[in-house]
Amino acid sequence: MDKKNALRAGAVTAGSTLMMLLMTSPALALTRDDGDDPGPGLSVAETLGLYVAAPIVLFLVITGLVMVGDKSRKTAK
């Protein structure tokens, strides 16, 4: 009975995904809208800093704060 339910769930998921893909319209990104004023692009260094370095630094800061809070709680007991 589990295979039948799994097959049904897979069919429903595949069907709904297919319908969503068929019903979406293209973004039409080549056509500019009224008031569309894109800014200057990012350089390679800015892109790496924003999407690679900043998340790593943020992760390390949060990890450090959690570790400091955990150590202070262990020593207080």
N, C-alpha and C. Protein backbone atom coordinates (compact mmCIF):
# COMPACT_ATOMS: atom_id res chain seq x y z
N MET A 1 0.81 -1.19 0.00
CA MET A 1 0.00 0.00 0.00
C MET A 1 0.86 1.26 0.00
N ASP A 2 2.10 1.20 0.55
CA ASP A 2 2.95 2.38 0.58
C ASP A 2 3.41 2.76 -0.82
N LYS A 3 3.67 1.76 -1.67
CA LYS A 3 4.10 2.07 -3.03
C LYS A 3 3.02 2.82 -3.79
N LYS A 4 1.77 2.45 -3.54
CA LYS A 4 0.65 3.10 -4.23
C LYS A 4 0.53 4.56 -3.79
N ASN A 5 0.68 4.80 -2.49
CA ASN A 5 0.61 6.18 -1.99
C ASN A 5 1.80 7.01 -2.47
N ALA A 6 2.98 6.38 -2.50
CA ALA A 6 4.16 7.10 -2.98
C ALA A 6 4.02 7.44 -4.46
N LEU A 7 3.51 6.51 -5.23
CA LEU A 7 3.29 6.77 -6.65
C LEU A 7 2.27 7.87 -6.87
N ARG A 8 1.22 7.85 -6.07
CA ARG A 8 0.19 8.89 -6.18
C ARG A 8 0.76 10.26 -5.81
N ALA A 9 1.56 10.31 -4.73
CA ALA A 9 2.15 11.57 -4.30
C ALA A 9 3.12 12.09 -5.36
N GLY A 10 3.90 11.19 -5.96
CA GLY A 10 4.82 11.61 -7.00
C GLY A 10 4.10 12.12 -8.23
N ALA A 11 2.99 11.47 -8.57
CA ALA A 11 2.22 11.90 -9.74
C ALA A 11 1.59 13.27 -9.50
N VAL A 12 1.08 13.49 -8.31
CA VAL A 12 0.48 14.79 -7.98
C VAL A 12 1.54 15.89 -8.00
N THR A 13 2.70 15.60 -7.41
CA THR A 13 3.78 16.59 -7.39
C THR A 13 4.26 16.91 -8.80
N ALA A 14 4.48 15.88 -9.60
CA ALA A 14 4.94 16.10 -10.97
C ALA A 14 3.88 16.85 -11.78
N GLY A 15 2.63 16.49 -11.60
CA GLY A 15 1.56 17.17 -12.32
C GLY A 15 1.43 18.63 -11.95
N SER A 16 1.49 18.91 -10.67
CA SER A 16 1.36 20.31 -10.24
C SER A 16 2.57 21.13 -10.67
N THR A 17 3.76 20.54 -10.64
CA THR A 17 4.95 21.25 -11.11
C THR A 17 4.85 21.53 -12.60
N LEU A 18 4.42 20.56 -13.36
CA LEU A 18 4.26 20.75 -14.80
C LEU A 18 3.24 21.84 -15.09
N MET A 19 2.13 21.83 -14.38
CA MET A 19 1.11 22.86 -14.61
C MET A 19 1.63 24.25 -14.26
N MET A 20 2.40 24.36 -13.18
CA MET A 20 2.95 25.66 -12.80
C MET A 20 3.93 26.15 -13.87
N LEU A 21 4.74 25.25 -14.40
CA LEU A 21 5.69 25.65 -15.44
C LEU A 21 4.98 26.06 -16.72
N LEU A 22 3.91 25.38 -17.07
CA LEU A 22 3.19 25.70 -18.29
C LEU A 22 2.39 27.00 -18.17
N MET A 23 1.94 27.33 -16.97
CA MET A 23 1.10 28.51 -16.80
C MET A 23 1.89 29.79 -16.57
N THR A 24 3.18 29.69 -16.30
CA THR A 24 3.97 30.90 -16.06
C THR A 24 4.31 31.54 -17.39
N SER A 25 4.32 32.84 -17.39
CA SER A 25 4.65 33.57 -18.61
C SER A 25 6.13 33.96 -18.56
N PRO A 26 6.73 34.23 -19.69
CA PRO A 26 8.14 34.64 -19.67
C PRO A 26 8.29 36.00 -18.99
N ALA A 27 9.47 36.23 -18.48
CA ALA A 27 9.72 37.46 -17.72
C ALA A 27 9.74 38.70 -18.60
N LEU A 28 10.00 38.54 -19.88
CA LEU A 28 10.09 39.67 -20.80
C LEU A 28 11.10 40.70 -20.30
N ALA A 29 12.27 40.20 -19.91
CA ALA A 29 13.29 41.06 -19.32
C ALA A 29 13.93 42.00 -20.34
N LEU A 30 13.77 41.73 -21.61
CA LEU A 30 14.38 42.58 -22.61
C LEU A 30 13.59 43.86 -22.84
N THR A 31 12.33 43.89 -22.46
CA THR A 31 11.49 45.05 -22.65
C THR A 31 11.54 45.93 -21.41
N ARG A 32 11.94 47.15 -21.60
CA ARG A 32 12.03 48.08 -20.47
C ARG A 32 10.64 48.62 -20.12
N ASP A 33 10.37 48.73 -18.83
CA ASP A 33 9.12 49.32 -18.36
C ASP A 33 9.30 50.81 -18.16
N ASP A 34 8.19 51.52 -18.05
CA ASP A 34 8.25 52.95 -17.77
C ASP A 34 8.85 53.15 -16.38
N GLY A 35 9.81 54.04 -16.28
CA GLY A 35 10.43 54.33 -15.01
C GLY A 35 11.53 53.36 -14.64
N ASP A 36 11.84 52.41 -15.50
CA ASP A 36 12.90 51.45 -15.23
C ASP A 36 14.24 52.13 -15.42
N ASP A 37 15.02 52.21 -14.37
CA ASP A 37 16.32 52.86 -14.43
C ASP A 37 17.33 51.99 -13.68
N PRO A 38 17.89 50.97 -14.34
CA PRO A 38 18.83 50.10 -13.65
C PRO A 38 20.11 50.84 -13.28
N GLY A 39 20.66 50.49 -12.15
CA GLY A 39 21.88 51.12 -11.70
C GLY A 39 23.09 50.47 -12.33
N PRO A 40 24.27 50.96 -11.97
CA PRO A 40 25.49 50.37 -12.52
C PRO A 40 25.69 48.96 -11.96
N GLY A 41 26.35 48.11 -12.73
CA GLY A 41 26.61 46.74 -12.30
C GLY A 41 27.69 46.68 -11.22
N LEU A 42 27.77 45.53 -10.57
CA LEU A 42 28.79 45.32 -9.55
C LEU A 42 30.06 44.79 -10.19
N SER A 43 31.19 45.16 -9.61
CA SER A 43 32.45 44.58 -10.07
C SER A 43 32.60 43.17 -9.50
N VAL A 44 33.61 42.45 -9.95
CA VAL A 44 33.83 41.09 -9.47
C VAL A 44 34.14 41.11 -7.98
N ALA A 45 34.94 42.05 -7.53
CA ALA A 45 35.29 42.14 -6.11
C ALA A 45 34.05 42.46 -5.26
N GLU A 46 33.23 43.37 -5.73
CA GLU A 46 32.01 43.70 -4.99
C GLU A 46 31.06 42.51 -4.93
N THR A 47 30.95 41.78 -6.03
CA THR A 47 30.07 40.61 -6.06
C THR A 47 30.55 39.54 -5.11
N LEU A 48 31.85 39.25 -5.14
CA LEU A 48 32.41 38.24 -4.23
C LEU A 48 32.28 38.68 -2.77
N GLY A 49 32.51 39.95 -2.52
CA GLY A 49 32.38 40.45 -1.16
C GLY A 49 30.95 40.36 -0.65
N LEU A 50 30.01 40.69 -1.50
CA LEU A 50 28.61 40.73 -1.09
C LEU A 50 28.01 39.33 -0.95
N TYR A 51 28.33 38.45 -1.88
CA TYR A 51 27.67 37.14 -1.91
C TYR A 51 28.51 35.99 -1.36
N VAL A 52 29.79 36.22 -1.10
CA VAL A 52 30.65 35.16 -0.55
C VAL A 52 31.20 35.58 0.81
N ALA A 53 31.92 36.67 0.85
CA ALA A 53 32.60 37.07 2.08
C ALA A 53 31.62 37.51 3.18
N ALA A 54 30.63 38.30 2.84
CA ALA A 54 29.70 38.79 3.86
C ALA A 54 28.93 37.66 4.54
N PRO A 55 28.39 36.66 3.82
CA PRO A 55 27.73 35.56 4.52
C PRO A 55 28.68 34.74 5.39
N ILE A 56 29.92 34.54 4.93
CA ILE A 56 30.88 33.79 5.74
C ILE A 56 31.21 34.56 7.02
N VAL A 57 31.43 35.85 6.90
CA VAL A 57 31.72 36.67 8.09
C VAL A 57 30.53 36.68 9.04
N LEU A 58 29.34 36.83 8.50
CA LEU A 58 28.14 36.81 9.33
C LEU A 58 27.98 35.47 10.05
N PHE A 59 28.24 34.37 9.33
CA PHE A 59 28.18 33.04 9.94
C PHE A 59 29.19 32.92 11.07
N LEU A 60 30.41 33.40 10.85
CA LEU A 60 31.44 33.30 11.87
C LEU A 60 31.11 34.15 13.10
N VAL A 61 30.55 35.33 12.88
CA VAL A 61 30.16 36.19 14.01
C VAL A 61 29.06 35.53 14.83
N ILE A 62 28.05 35.00 14.17
CA ILE A 62 26.95 34.34 14.89
C ILE A 62 27.47 33.11 15.62
N THR A 63 28.34 32.33 14.96
CA THR A 63 28.91 31.14 15.61
C THR A 63 29.73 31.54 16.82
N GLY A 64 30.51 32.58 16.70
CA GLY A 64 31.31 33.06 17.84
C GLY A 64 30.44 33.51 19.00
N LEU A 65 29.37 34.23 18.71
CA LEU A 65 28.48 34.68 19.78
C LEU A 65 27.80 33.49 20.47
N VAL A 66 27.42 32.50 19.70
CA VAL A 66 26.79 31.31 20.30
C VAL A 66 27.79 30.57 21.16
N MET A 67 29.03 30.44 20.69
CA MET A 67 30.05 29.73 21.46
C MET A 67 30.38 30.47 22.75
N VAL A 68 30.47 31.79 22.69
CA VAL A 68 30.75 32.58 23.90
C VAL A 68 29.59 32.44 24.89
N GLY A 69 28.37 32.50 24.40
CA GLY A 69 27.21 32.34 25.28
C GLY A 69 27.13 30.96 25.88
N ASP A 70 27.51 29.95 25.13
CA ASP A 70 27.47 28.58 25.62
C ASP A 70 28.55 28.34 26.67
N LYS A 71 29.75 28.90 26.46
CA LYS A 71 30.84 28.72 27.43
C LYS A 71 30.54 29.42 28.72
N SER A 72 29.94 30.61 28.64
CA SER A 72 29.66 31.35 29.87
C SER A 72 28.58 30.66 30.67
N ARG A 73 27.67 29.98 30.03
CA ARG A 73 26.62 29.26 30.74
C ARG A 73 27.17 28.00 31.41
N LYS A 74 28.13 27.33 30.77
CA LYS A 74 28.73 26.12 31.34
C LYS A 74 29.56 26.44 32.55
N THR A 75 30.29 27.57 32.55
CA THR A 75 31.13 27.92 33.68
C THR A 75 30.31 28.43 34.86
N ALA A 76 29.11 28.92 34.61
CA ALA A 76 28.28 29.45 35.69
C ALA A 76 27.65 28.33 36.53
N LYS A 77 27.53 27.14 35.99
CA LYS A 77 26.90 26.04 36.73
C LYS A 77 27.78 25.47 37.78
